[in-house]
Amino acid sequence: MTNPKYQVFRSIDDGQFYYRLKAANGEIVLQSDGYSSKKACLEGISSARINARFDSNFMRSEFLSNYSFVLEGNGEIIGSSEGYADFLSREDGIYAVKRDGITAPVEDLS
C-alpha cells in the first residue's frame, strides 16, 4: 500500500499534461483529459478536489457489462475512470475518489 496521490505528467505522444489519481492500493481511480499547460492541469486537480465532495457530480454508466464513471463540475468532465467489471467495483472506485481525491498531494512527474 502507498499513500494516495495525484500524479501530473506530460505525454511524450502529444506533449499535453495529464493527471491521474492513484488510490492507496496503487490503482488509478481517476484520470484527466489532456491540458495544454501544467497550470491548467493543476487547476483541473483543484476542480476535482472540490467536486469529488458531492455524489451528484459522479455520472455513472454501464455498457455491455463495463461499468465506469466520470466526475463532472460546472457541466464539464473533470476526470474519468477506467472500466470496472461490476457495479460494486465501480462504487468502490467512486468511494476512493471521494475519500482520497479531496486531500491527496500532487506528485509532479513532468
Foldseek 3Di string as FASTA:
>chain_A
DADWAKEWDADPVPRFIKIFIAFRVRDTLKIADTDRDPVVRVVLLVQLLVQLQDPVQWAWDDDPQWTWIFGDDPRDTSIIGGTDNDDVVRVVSSVRSSVRSNDHYYDYPD
